[in-house]
Amino acid sequence: MNQSNLSKCLKGVVLGTAAIGALVYGYILPVCWRMGTAQHTTLGGQTYWIRMIFLWITAVPCYLALIDAWKLFTEIGKNNSFSYDNAKYLKNIARLAFLDTAYYFAGNLALFLLGRNHPAVLLASLLIDFVGIAVGVLSAALSHLVYKAAALREENELTI
């Protein structure tokens, strides 16, 4: 598979992820949370909207990361895989993943302490936190490796 085809496939993944994210944030989470709060009178009413706004805010860093991924994959399509720009995009994705994970954890903990979150939801959210941390660590590691490769590439281009 050449760089151009790889770039197109990766951009397809970004578009698919954006579409699935829109489905999850726009339909699945509101319906599931509405069904969950209907069964627990202590979590109903205004908790639904507090939770939905909290969750919709978590979508912002995710979509910002998808924009950086699109830029990264565009560079790959231009046969520019190991560049300082790509290292910067990966570093930004890592920061967004860490930011989103910290916000999600703190928000779930705050909702729990305020009595607006079920303990099972808090425990289940730790799995999502783990995935966010893993994405952040992997993106940071890739950023470091791409930065080193870009430096080697630049050094080799200067060598006669």
Protein backbone atom coordinates (compact mmCIF):
# COMPACT_ATOMS: atom_id res chain seq x y z
CA MET A 1 0.00 0.00 0.00
CA ASN A 2 1.46 3.36 -0.99
CA GLN A 3 1.37 6.56 1.04
CA SER A 4 -1.59 8.01 -0.86
CA ASN A 5 -3.79 4.93 -0.35
CA LEU A 6 -2.77 4.72 3.28
CA SER A 7 -3.69 8.36 3.75
CA LYS A 8 -7.10 7.80 2.16
CA CYS A 9 -7.79 4.77 4.36
CA LEU A 10 -6.77 6.66 7.49
CA LYS A 11 -8.93 9.64 6.52
CA GLY A 12 -11.81 7.20 6.06
CA VAL A 13 -11.24 6.02 9.62
CA VAL A 14 -11.36 9.64 10.81
CA LEU A 15 -14.64 10.25 8.97
CA GLY A 16 -16.09 7.00 10.31
CA THR A 17 -15.01 7.87 13.83
CA ALA A 18 -16.58 11.33 13.50
CA ALA A 19 -19.85 9.79 12.27
CA ILE A 20 -19.95 7.18 15.01
CA GLY A 21 -19.09 9.85 17.58
CA ALA A 22 -21.99 11.97 16.35
CA LEU A 23 -24.30 8.97 16.64
CA VAL A 24 -23.07 8.13 20.14
CA TYR A 25 -23.14 11.71 21.46
CA GLY A 26 -26.30 12.74 19.61
CA TYR A 27 -28.50 9.68 20.05
CA ILE A 28 -27.14 6.70 22.00
CA LEU A 29 -25.93 8.51 25.15
CA PRO A 30 -29.08 10.66 25.52
CA VAL A 31 -31.37 7.65 25.05
CA CYS A 32 -29.37 5.39 27.37
CA TRP A 33 -29.06 8.04 30.05
CA ARG A 34 -32.76 8.88 29.79
CA MET A 35 -33.61 5.18 30.26
CA GLY A 36 -31.20 4.92 33.19
CA THR A 37 -32.53 7.98 34.98
CA ALA A 38 -36.12 6.83 34.47
CA GLN A 39 -35.34 3.78 36.63
CA HIS A 40 -33.70 5.83 39.40
CA THR A 41 -35.87 8.64 40.68
CA THR A 42 -32.93 10.12 42.60
CA LEU A 43 -31.01 10.62 39.34
CA GLY A 44 -33.88 11.94 37.22
CA GLY A 45 -35.04 15.41 36.27
CA GLN A 46 -32.35 18.02 36.01
CA THR A 47 -29.61 15.40 36.37
CA TYR A 48 -30.35 14.33 32.79
CA TRP A 49 -29.44 17.73 31.38
CA ILE A 50 -26.45 18.18 33.69
CA ARG A 51 -25.13 14.83 32.50
CA MET A 52 -25.83 15.50 28.83
CA ILE A 53 -24.08 18.88 28.88
CA PHE A 54 -21.17 17.30 30.74
CA LEU A 55 -20.92 14.53 28.13
CA TRP A 56 -21.31 16.86 25.15
CA ILE A 57 -18.39 18.94 26.42
CA THR A 58 -16.26 15.79 26.36
CA ALA A 59 -16.89 15.59 22.61
CA VAL A 60 -15.06 18.86 21.91
CA PRO A 61 -11.49 17.59 22.54
CA CYS A 62 -12.33 14.37 20.68
CA TYR A 63 -13.31 16.26 17.53
CA LEU A 64 -10.33 18.61 17.86
CA ALA A 65 -8.10 15.51 17.97
CA LEU A 66 -9.82 14.21 14.82
CA ILE A 67 -8.95 17.48 13.07
CA ASP A 68 -5.29 17.02 14.03
CA ALA A 69 -5.45 13.40 12.88
CA TRP A 70 -6.82 14.57 9.51
CA LYS A 71 -3.90 17.00 9.15
CA LEU A 72 -1.47 14.24 10.12
CA PHE A 73 -2.93 11.86 7.55
CA THR A 74 -2.81 14.56 4.89
CA GLU A 75 0.93 14.88 5.52
CA ILE A 76 1.31 11.12 5.25
CA GLY A 77 -0.41 11.28 1.86
CA LYS A 78 2.17 13.85 0.76
CA ASN A 79 4.94 11.36 1.66
CA ASN A 80 5.88 13.54 4.61
CA SER A 81 5.38 11.02 7.41
CA PHE A 82 8.33 12.03 9.56
CA SER A 83 8.07 15.76 10.01
CA TYR A 84 8.07 18.19 12.88
CA ASP A 85 4.49 19.12 12.00
CA ASN A 86 3.37 15.51 12.41
CA ALA A 87 5.15 15.31 15.76
CA LYS A 88 3.30 18.48 16.76
CA TYR A 89 -0.07 17.02 15.67
CA LEU A 90 0.56 13.84 17.67
CA LYS A 91 1.65 15.85 20.71
CA ASN A 92 -1.53 17.92 20.46
CA ILE A 93 -3.64 14.74 20.21
CA ALA A 94 -1.91 13.47 23.37
CA ARG A 95 -2.63 16.73 25.21
CA LEU A 96 -6.27 16.65 24.13
CA ALA A 97 -6.61 13.03 25.26
CA PHE A 98 -5.13 13.84 28.67
CA LEU A 99 -7.28 16.97 29.00
CA ASP A 100 -10.45 15.14 28.05
CA THR A 101 -9.66 12.24 30.37
CA ALA A 102 -8.94 14.54 33.30
CA TYR A 103 -12.16 16.50 32.66
CA TYR A 104 -14.19 13.29 32.35
CA PHE A 105 -12.76 11.83 35.55
CA ALA A 106 -13.16 15.05 37.54
CA GLY A 107 -16.69 15.57 36.23
CA ASN A 108 -17.81 12.06 37.07
CA LEU A 109 -16.27 12.32 40.51
CA ALA A 110 -17.93 15.71 41.11
CA LEU A 111 -21.31 14.39 39.96
CA PHE A 112 -20.87 11.40 42.27
CA LEU A 113 -19.97 13.57 45.26
CA LEU A 114 -22.99 15.78 44.56
CA GLY A 115 -25.24 12.72 44.51
CA ARG A 116 -25.94 13.07 40.78
CA ASN A 117 -24.04 9.99 39.65
CA HIS A 118 -24.51 6.33 40.46
CA PRO A 119 -21.44 4.52 41.86
CA ALA A 120 -21.63 1.98 39.01
CA VAL A 121 -21.41 4.81 36.48
CA LEU A 122 -18.36 6.18 38.26
CA LEU A 123 -16.68 2.76 38.22
CA ALA A 124 -17.56 2.16 34.56
CA SER A 125 -16.17 5.58 33.66
CA LEU A 126 -12.77 4.42 34.91
CA LEU A 127 -12.59 2.11 31.88
CA ILE A 128 -13.13 5.09 29.59
CA ASP A 129 -10.51 7.01 31.57
CA PHE A 130 -8.06 4.16 31.03
CA VAL A 131 -8.65 4.26 27.26
CA GLY A 132 -8.14 8.04 27.26
CA ILE A 133 -4.87 7.70 29.13
CA ALA A 134 -3.75 4.94 26.77
CA VAL A 135 -4.51 7.11 23.72
CA GLY A 136 -2.61 9.99 25.31
CA VAL A 137 0.44 7.89 26.16
CA LEU A 138 0.54 6.25 22.72
CA SER A 139 0.18 9.61 20.97
CA ALA A 140 2.91 11.13 23.12
CA ALA A 141 5.23 8.19 22.41
CA LEU A 142 4.53 8.39 18.68
CA SER A 143 5.12 12.14 18.78
CA HIS A 144 8.51 11.59 20.36
CA LEU A 145 9.45 8.93 17.80
CA VAL A 146 8.26 11.02 14.85
CA TYR A 147 10.20 14.02 16.19
CA LYS A 148 13.37 11.91 16.44
CA ALA A 149 12.80 10.50 12.94
CA ALA A 150 12.25 14.02 11.58
CA ALA A 151 15.53 15.12 13.15
CA LEU A 152 17.35 12.13 11.59
CA ARG A 153 15.73 12.81 8.24
CA GLU A 154 16.78 16.47 8.37
CA GLU A 155 20.31 15.45 9.35
CA ASN A 156 20.53 12.95 6.49
CA GLU A 157 19.25 15.47 3.94
CA LEU A 158 22.09 17.80 4.91
CA THR A 159 24.68 15.05 4.50
CA ILE A 160 26.36 14.82 1.10
